[in-house]
Amino acid sequence: MVTIREFQELMRALYYERDSRRGIERTFMWLVQEVGELARAIMKNDRENIEEEVADVLAWLASLCNLLGIDMESAALKKYPGRCPKCGSIPCRCDLK
């Protein structure tokens, strides 16, 4: 099993040089494009394509975080410390809206 941090480091090793040349704004636009592709795959209920697009979204998010100097794993655990950040419950008991 690979941790979020290990995956982010893999994306750094593979793509950081290229991502640095592309820059934050263009890398962010690639992430947005991949989210759109994921949305289309979900709307088509294409399970194989959904899995591919989820992987792409995660990879582009890791690349963006590398450029921004953000540790994805630390950021996620800070916001979601093993419970709902709003109500503190597991499972979440917040009102559905």
C-alpha atoms as a PDB file:
ATOM      1  CA  MET A   1       0.000   0.000   0.000  1.00  0.00           C
ATOM      2  CA  VAL A   2       1.262   3.462  -0.907  1.00  0.00           C
ATOM      3  CA  THR A   3       0.579   6.453   1.330  1.00  0.00           C
ATOM      4  CA  ILE A   4      -0.674   9.778   0.009  1.00  0.00           C
ATOM      5  CA  ARG A   5       2.761  11.233   0.755  1.00  0.00           C
ATOM      6  CA  GLU A   6       4.524   8.470  -1.189  1.00  0.00           C
ATOM      7  CA  PHE A   7       2.197   9.005  -4.160  1.00  0.00           C
ATOM      8  CA  GLN A   8       2.864  12.739  -4.064  1.00  0.00           C
ATOM      9  CA  GLU A   9       6.611  12.057  -4.004  1.00  0.00           C
ATOM     10  CA  LEU A  10       6.228   9.748  -7.012  1.00  0.00           C
ATOM     11  CA  MET A  11       4.462  12.545  -8.906  1.00  0.00           C
ATOM     12  CA  ARG A  12       7.289  14.888  -7.880  1.00  0.00           C
ATOM     13  CA  ALA A  13       9.928  12.471  -9.192  1.00  0.00           C
ATOM     14  CA  LEU A  14       8.046  11.911 -12.430  1.00  0.00           C
ATOM     15  CA  TYR A  15       6.743  15.375 -13.280  1.00  0.00           C
ATOM     16  CA  TYR A  16       8.109  18.175 -11.077  1.00  0.00           C
ATOM     17  CA  GLU A  17      10.568  19.480 -13.649  1.00  0.00           C
ATOM     18  CA  ARG A  18       7.880  19.630 -16.339  1.00  0.00           C
ATOM     19  CA  ASP A  19       5.271  21.003 -13.910  1.00  0.00           C
ATOM     20  CA  SER A  20       7.671  23.737 -12.815  1.00  0.00           C
ATOM     21  CA  ARG A  21       8.098  24.874 -16.413  1.00  0.00           C
ATOM     22  CA  ARG A  22       4.314  24.750 -16.936  1.00  0.00           C
ATOM     23  CA  GLY A  23       3.643  26.784 -13.793  1.00  0.00           C
ATOM     24  CA  ILE A  24       0.937  26.809 -11.158  1.00  0.00           C
ATOM     25  CA  GLU A  25      -1.845  28.355 -13.246  1.00  0.00           C
ATOM     26  CA  ARG A  26      -1.499  25.983 -16.192  1.00  0.00           C
ATOM     27  CA  THR A  27      -1.101  22.976 -13.896  1.00  0.00           C
ATOM     28  CA  PHE A  28      -4.294  24.030 -12.126  1.00  0.00           C
ATOM     29  CA  MET A  29      -6.064  24.247 -15.497  1.00  0.00           C
ATOM     30  CA  TRP A  30      -5.001  20.670 -16.265  1.00  0.00           C
ATOM     31  CA  LEU A  31      -6.476  19.592 -12.921  1.00  0.00           C
ATOM     32  CA  VAL A  32      -9.752  21.334 -13.757  1.00  0.00           C
ATOM     33  CA  GLN A  33      -9.806  19.650 -17.174  1.00  0.00           C
ATOM     34  CA  GLU A  34      -9.341  16.248 -15.535  1.00  0.00           C
ATOM     35  CA  VAL A  35     -12.186  16.960 -13.093  1.00  0.00           C
ATOM     36  CA  GLY A  36     -14.370  17.715 -16.126  1.00  0.00           C
ATOM     37  CA  GLU A  37     -13.357  14.420 -17.726  1.00  0.00           C
ATOM     38  CA  LEU A  38     -14.224  12.639 -14.480  1.00  0.00           C
ATOM     39  CA  ALA A  39     -17.632  14.322 -14.480  1.00  0.00           C
ATOM     40  CA  ARG A  40     -18.301  13.140 -18.035  1.00  0.00           C
ATOM     41  CA  ALA A  41     -17.253   9.575 -17.167  1.00  0.00           C
ATOM     42  CA  ILE A  42     -19.578   9.615 -14.143  1.00  0.00           C
ATOM     43  CA  MET A  43     -22.472  10.903 -16.248  1.00  0.00           C
ATOM     44  CA  LYS A  44     -21.880   8.022 -18.707  1.00  0.00           C
ATOM     45  CA  ASN A  45     -21.539   5.552 -15.807  1.00  0.00           C
ATOM     46  CA  ASP A  46     -18.340   4.281 -17.459  1.00  0.00           C
ATOM     47  CA  ARG A  47     -16.658   2.515 -14.540  1.00  0.00           C
ATOM     48  CA  GLU A  48     -13.330   1.860 -16.277  1.00  0.00           C
ATOM     49  CA  ASN A  49     -13.035   5.466 -17.429  1.00  0.00           C
ATOM     50  CA  ILE A  50     -14.126   6.742 -13.997  1.00  0.00           C
ATOM     51  CA  GLU A  51     -11.223   4.878 -12.394  1.00  0.00           C
ATOM     52  CA  GLU A  52      -8.768   6.295 -14.943  1.00  0.00           C
ATOM     53  CA  GLU A  53     -10.039   9.839 -14.417  1.00  0.00           C
ATOM     54  CA  VAL A  54      -9.931   9.503 -10.614  1.00  0.00           C
ATOM     55  CA  ALA A  55      -6.272   8.531 -10.966  1.00  0.00           C
ATOM     56  CA  ASP A  56      -5.643  11.521 -13.253  1.00  0.00           C
ATOM     57  CA  VAL A  57      -7.360  13.932 -10.854  1.00  0.00           C
ATOM     58  CA  LEU A  58      -5.289  12.627  -7.955  1.00  0.00           C
ATOM     59  CA  ALA A  59      -2.070  12.868 -10.000  1.00  0.00           C
ATOM     60  CA  TRP A  60      -2.751  16.455 -11.120  1.00  0.00           C
ATOM     61  CA  LEU A  61      -3.738  17.465  -7.574  1.00  0.00           C
ATOM     62  CA  ALA A  62      -0.460  15.999  -6.299  1.00  0.00           C
ATOM     63  CA  SER A  63       1.441  17.892  -9.003  1.00  0.00           C
ATOM     64  CA  LEU A  64      -0.282  21.143  -8.085  1.00  0.00           C
ATOM     65  CA  CYS A  65       0.444  20.597  -4.390  1.00  0.00           C
ATOM     66  CA  ASN A  66       4.101  19.947  -5.221  1.00  0.00           C
ATOM     67  CA  LEU A  67       4.300  23.306  -6.983  1.00  0.00           C
ATOM     68  CA  LEU A  68       2.552  25.029  -4.079  1.00  0.00           C
ATOM     69  CA  GLY A  69       4.720  23.342  -1.437  1.00  0.00           C
ATOM     70  CA  ILE A  70       1.741  21.629   0.184  1.00  0.00           C
ATOM     71  CA  ASP A  71       2.002  18.156   1.723  1.00  0.00           C
ATOM     72  CA  MET A  72      -1.321  16.581   0.715  1.00  0.00           C
ATOM     73  CA  GLU A  73      -1.291  14.021   3.516  1.00  0.00           C
ATOM     74  CA  SER A  74      -0.638  16.602   6.242  1.00  0.00           C
ATOM     75  CA  ALA A  75      -3.234  18.992   4.825  1.00  0.00           C
ATOM     76  CA  ALA A  76      -5.877  16.255   4.623  1.00  0.00           C
ATOM     77  CA  LEU A  77      -5.270  14.984   8.150  1.00  0.00           C
ATOM     78  CA  LYS A  78      -5.213  18.505   9.545  1.00  0.00           C
ATOM     79  CA  LYS A  79      -8.634  19.241   8.052  1.00  0.00           C
ATOM     80  CA  TYR A  80     -10.065  15.730   8.617  1.00  0.00           C
ATOM     81  CA  PRO A  81      -8.477  14.456  11.856  1.00  0.00           C
ATOM     82  CA  GLY A  82     -10.330  11.144  11.891  1.00  0.00           C
ATOM     83  CA  ARG A  83     -13.753  12.720  12.337  1.00  0.00           C
ATOM     84  CA  CYS A  84     -16.067  15.219  10.676  1.00  0.00           C
ATOM     85  CA  PRO A  85     -14.427  18.652  10.982  1.00  0.00           C
ATOM     86  CA  LYS A  86     -17.801  20.333  11.576  1.00  0.00           C
ATOM     87  CA  CYS A  87     -19.720  18.088  13.966  1.00  0.00           C
ATOM     88  CA  GLY A  88     -16.850  15.918  15.233  1.00  0.00           C
ATOM     89  CA  SER A  89     -18.808  12.702  14.699  1.00  0.00           C
ATOM     90  CA  ILE A  90     -18.083   9.408  12.950  1.00  0.00           C
ATOM     91  CA  PRO A  91     -20.117   9.066  10.823  1.00  0.00           C
ATOM     92  CA  CYS A  92     -20.912  12.693  10.155  1.00  0.00           C
ATOM     93  CA  ARG A  93     -24.127  13.870  11.813  1.00  0.00           C
ATOM     94  CA  CYS A  94     -24.290  17.269  10.097  1.00  0.00           C
ATOM     95  CA  ASP A  95     -27.654  18.176   8.628  1.00  0.00           C
ATOM     96  CA  LEU A  96     -27.985  17.281   4.957  1.00  0.00           C
ATOM     97  CA  LYS A  97     -28.657  20.344   2.847  1.00  0.00           C
END
